[in-house]
C-alpha atoms as a PDB file:
ATOM      1  CA  UNK A   1     -22.927  -4.342  -4.011  1.00  0.00           C
ATOM      2  CA  UNK A   2     -20.804  -1.305  -4.623  1.00  0.00           C
ATOM      3  CA  UNK A   3     -19.584   0.033  -7.696  1.00  0.00           C
ATOM      4  CA  UNK A   4     -16.457  -2.002  -8.748  1.00  0.00           C
ATOM      5  CA  UNK A   5     -14.535   1.144  -9.526  1.00  0.00           C
ATOM      6  CA  UNK A   6     -14.667   2.606  -6.307  1.00  0.00           C
ATOM      7  CA  UNK A   7     -13.753  -0.790  -4.712  1.00  0.00           C
ATOM      8  CA  UNK A   8     -10.628  -0.427  -7.099  1.00  0.00           C
ATOM      9  CA  UNK A   9     -10.247   2.910  -5.668  1.00  0.00           C
ATOM     10  CA  UNK A  10     -10.349   2.423  -1.900  1.00  0.00           C
ATOM     11  CA  UNK A  11      -8.099  -1.167  -2.728  1.00  0.00           C
ATOM     12  CA  UNK A  12      -5.544   0.941  -4.336  1.00  0.00           C
ATOM     13  CA  UNK A  13      -5.611   3.545  -1.501  1.00  0.00           C
ATOM     14  CA  UNK A  14      -5.135   1.177   1.385  1.00  0.00           C
ATOM     15  CA  UNK A  15      -2.410  -0.785  -0.356  1.00  0.00           C
ATOM     16  CA  UNK A  16      -0.662   2.302  -0.960  1.00  0.00           C
ATOM     17  CA  UNK A  17      -1.083   3.565   2.640  1.00  0.00           C
ATOM     18  CA  UNK A  18       0.533   0.254   3.847  1.00  0.00           C
ATOM     19  CA  UNK A  19       3.414   0.586   1.333  1.00  0.00           C
ATOM     20  CA  UNK A  20       3.887   4.382   2.704  1.00  0.00           C
ATOM     21  CA  UNK A  21       3.901   3.222   6.180  1.00  0.00           C
ATOM     22  CA  UNK A  22       5.901   0.074   5.684  1.00  0.00           C
ATOM     23  CA  UNK A  23       8.670   2.318   4.159  1.00  0.00           C
ATOM     24  CA  UNK A  24       8.580   4.949   6.896  1.00  0.00           C
ATOM     25  CA  UNK A  25       8.541   1.912   9.474  1.00  0.00           C
ATOM     26  CA  UNK A  26      11.999   1.059   7.373  1.00  0.00           C
ATOM     27  CA  UNK A  27      13.429   4.647   8.277  1.00  0.00           C
ATOM     28  CA  UNK A  28      12.634   5.473  11.425  1.00  0.00           C
ATOM     29  CA  UNK A  29      15.133   4.266  14.256  1.00  0.00           C
ATOM     30  CA  UNK A  30      12.863   4.974  17.323  1.00  0.00           C
ATOM     31  CA  UNK A  31      11.146   1.948  18.410  1.00  0.00           C
ATOM     32  CA  UNK A  32       7.924   3.719  19.559  1.00  0.00           C
ATOM     33  CA  UNK A  33       7.157   5.188  15.961  1.00  0.00           C
ATOM     34  CA  UNK A  34       8.434   2.022  14.323  1.00  0.00           C
ATOM     35  CA  UNK A  35       5.956   0.103  16.164  1.00  0.00           C
ATOM     36  CA  UNK A  36       3.172   2.854  15.235  1.00  0.00           C
ATOM     37  CA  UNK A  37       4.002   2.824  11.643  1.00  0.00           C
ATOM     38  CA  UNK A  38       3.933  -1.059  12.045  1.00  0.00           C
ATOM     39  CA  UNK A  39       0.686  -1.176  13.189  1.00  0.00           C
ATOM     40  CA  UNK A  40      -0.687   1.323  10.752  1.00  0.00           C
ATOM     41  CA  UNK A  41       0.720  -0.812   7.718  1.00  0.00           C
ATOM     42  CA  UNK A  42      -1.087  -3.752   9.190  1.00  0.00           C
ATOM     43  CA  UNK A  43      -4.444  -2.294   9.588  1.00  0.00           C
ATOM     44  CA  UNK A  44      -4.327  -0.774   6.117  1.00  0.00           C
ATOM     45  CA  UNK A  45      -3.333  -4.047   4.573  1.00  0.00           C
ATOM     46  CA  UNK A  46      -6.005  -5.625   6.394  1.00  0.00           C
ATOM     47  CA  UNK A  47      -8.484  -3.331   4.918  1.00  0.00           C
ATOM     48  CA  UNK A  48      -7.024  -3.903   1.173  1.00  0.00           C
ATOM     49  CA  UNK A  49      -7.474  -7.390   1.855  1.00  0.00           C
ATOM     50  CA  UNK A  50     -11.071  -6.941   2.581  1.00  0.00           C
ATOM     51  CA  UNK A  51     -11.420  -4.823  -0.459  1.00  0.00           C
ATOM     52  CA  UNK A  52      -9.714  -7.549  -2.235  1.00  0.00           C
ATOM     53  CA  UNK A  53     -11.977 -10.110  -1.358  1.00  0.00           C
ATOM     54  CA  UNK A  54     -15.069  -7.802  -2.314  1.00  0.00           C
ATOM     55  CA  UNK A  55     -13.828  -7.201  -6.138  1.00  0.00           C
ATOM     56  CA  UNK A  56     -13.723 -10.935  -7.100  1.00  0.00           C
ATOM     57  CA  UNK A  57     -13.010 -14.525  -5.442  1.00  0.00           C
ATOM     58  CA  UNK A  58      -9.314 -14.565  -3.682  1.00  0.00           C
ATOM     59  CA  UNK A  59      -8.178 -17.128  -6.019  1.00  0.00           C
ATOM     60  CA  UNK A  60      -8.849 -15.430  -9.397  1.00  0.00           C
ATOM     61  CA  UNK A  61      -6.439 -12.954 -10.328  1.00  0.00           C
ATOM     62  CA  UNK A  62      -7.629  -9.125 -11.274  1.00  0.00           C
ATOM     63  CA  UNK A  63      -7.492  -7.884 -14.639  1.00  0.00           C
ATOM     64  CA  UNK A  64      -4.099  -6.889 -15.531  1.00  0.00           C
ATOM     65  CA  UNK A  65      -5.684  -4.086 -17.679  1.00  0.00           C
ATOM     66  CA  UNK A  66      -6.699  -2.332 -14.740  1.00  0.00           C
ATOM     67  CA  UNK A  67      -2.795  -1.394 -13.963  1.00  0.00           C
ATOM     68  CA  UNK A  68      -2.990  -1.761 -10.106  1.00  0.00           C
ATOM     69  CA  UNK A  69       0.453  -2.172  -9.328  1.00  0.00           C
ATOM     70  CA  UNK A  70       1.447   1.112 -11.085  1.00  0.00           C
ATOM     71  CA  UNK A  71      -1.147   3.195  -9.495  1.00  0.00           C
ATOM     72  CA  UNK A  72      -0.391   1.914  -6.006  1.00  0.00           C
ATOM     73  CA  UNK A  73       3.215   2.632  -6.830  1.00  0.00           C
ATOM     74  CA  UNK A  74       2.577   6.106  -8.045  1.00  0.00           C
ATOM     75  CA  UNK A  75       0.186   6.902  -5.110  1.00  0.00           C
ATOM     76  CA  UNK A  76       2.735   5.803  -2.264  1.00  0.00           C
ATOM     77  CA  UNK A  77       5.734   7.674  -4.225  1.00  0.00           C
ATOM     78  CA  UNK A  78       3.376  10.717  -4.110  1.00  0.00           C
ATOM     79  CA  UNK A  79       2.492  10.393  -0.537  1.00  0.00           C
ATOM     80  CA  UNK A  80       6.157   9.798   0.361  1.00  0.00           C
ATOM     81  CA  UNK A  81       7.308  12.603  -1.518  1.00  0.00           C
ATOM     82  CA  UNK A  82       5.351  14.997   0.634  1.00  0.00           C
ATOM     83  CA  UNK A  83       6.517  13.770   3.839  1.00  0.00           C
ATOM     84  CA  UNK A  84      10.062  14.071   2.537  1.00  0.00           C
ATOM     85  CA  UNK A  85       9.206  17.761   2.044  1.00  0.00           C
ATOM     86  CA  UNK A  86       7.929  17.985   5.299  1.00  0.00           C
ATOM     87  CA  UNK A  87      11.246  17.091   6.568  1.00  0.00           C
ATOM     88  CA  UNK A  88      11.309  13.301   7.123  1.00  0.00           C
ATOM     89  CA  UNK A  89      14.618  11.587   6.229  1.00  0.00           C
ATOM     90  CA  UNK A  90      16.358   8.384   5.293  1.00  0.00           C
ATOM     91  CA  UNK A  91      13.159   7.726   2.988  1.00  0.00           C
ATOM     92  CA  UNK A  92      13.808   5.081   0.319  1.00  0.00           C
ATOM     93  CA  UNK A  93      11.271   5.844  -2.062  1.00  0.00           C
ATOM     94  CA  UNK A  94      12.864   3.045  -4.579  1.00  0.00           C
ATOM     95  CA  UNK A  95      11.583   0.526  -2.293  1.00  0.00           C
ATOM     96  CA  UNK A  96       7.862   1.347  -3.030  1.00  0.00           C
ATOM     97  CA  UNK A  97       7.921  -1.286  -6.048  1.00  0.00           C
ATOM     98  CA  UNK A  98       9.516  -3.767  -3.800  1.00  0.00           C
ATOM     99  CA  UNK A  99       7.134  -3.579  -1.026  1.00  0.00           C
ATOM    100  CA  UNK A 100       4.345  -3.162  -3.354  1.00  0.00           C
ATOM    101  CA  UNK A 101       5.121  -6.375  -5.227  1.00  0.00           C
ATOM    102  CA  UNK A 102       5.408  -8.002  -1.799  1.00  0.00           C
ATOM    103  CA  UNK A 103       1.813  -7.151  -0.735  1.00  0.00           C
ATOM    104  CA  UNK A 104       0.387  -7.799  -4.195  1.00  0.00           C
ATOM    105  CA  UNK A 105       1.644 -11.444  -4.148  1.00  0.00           C
ATOM    106  CA  UNK A 106       0.462 -12.082  -0.257  1.00  0.00           C
ATOM    107  CA  UNK A 107      -3.082 -11.084  -1.815  1.00  0.00           C
ATOM    108  CA  UNK A 108      -2.421 -13.362  -4.579  1.00  0.00           C
ATOM    109  CA  UNK A 109      -2.808 -10.425  -7.507  1.00  0.00           C
END
């Protein structure tokens, strides 16, 4: 079995990536890019789901002491700020909280 802290770090990275891609999908008007970001979001979410299942049984919540939600929001916000500096527009950073919560509920955390 892999190191639990490494699994948590990978899980957080994949969920944060899914959040970033959903925010980007909502910001883009062009359909080709929207579908690309949608696929990337789905792939990242499925990977996060696999790592979630490796951490502990899916019907048991993860300990709140890990502060996973805060880490996901922080990581996603940092990535979105990088994208904004690169020239991306119409990005709603405030939506990261809501999207993170939605994904965590889907994973029963």
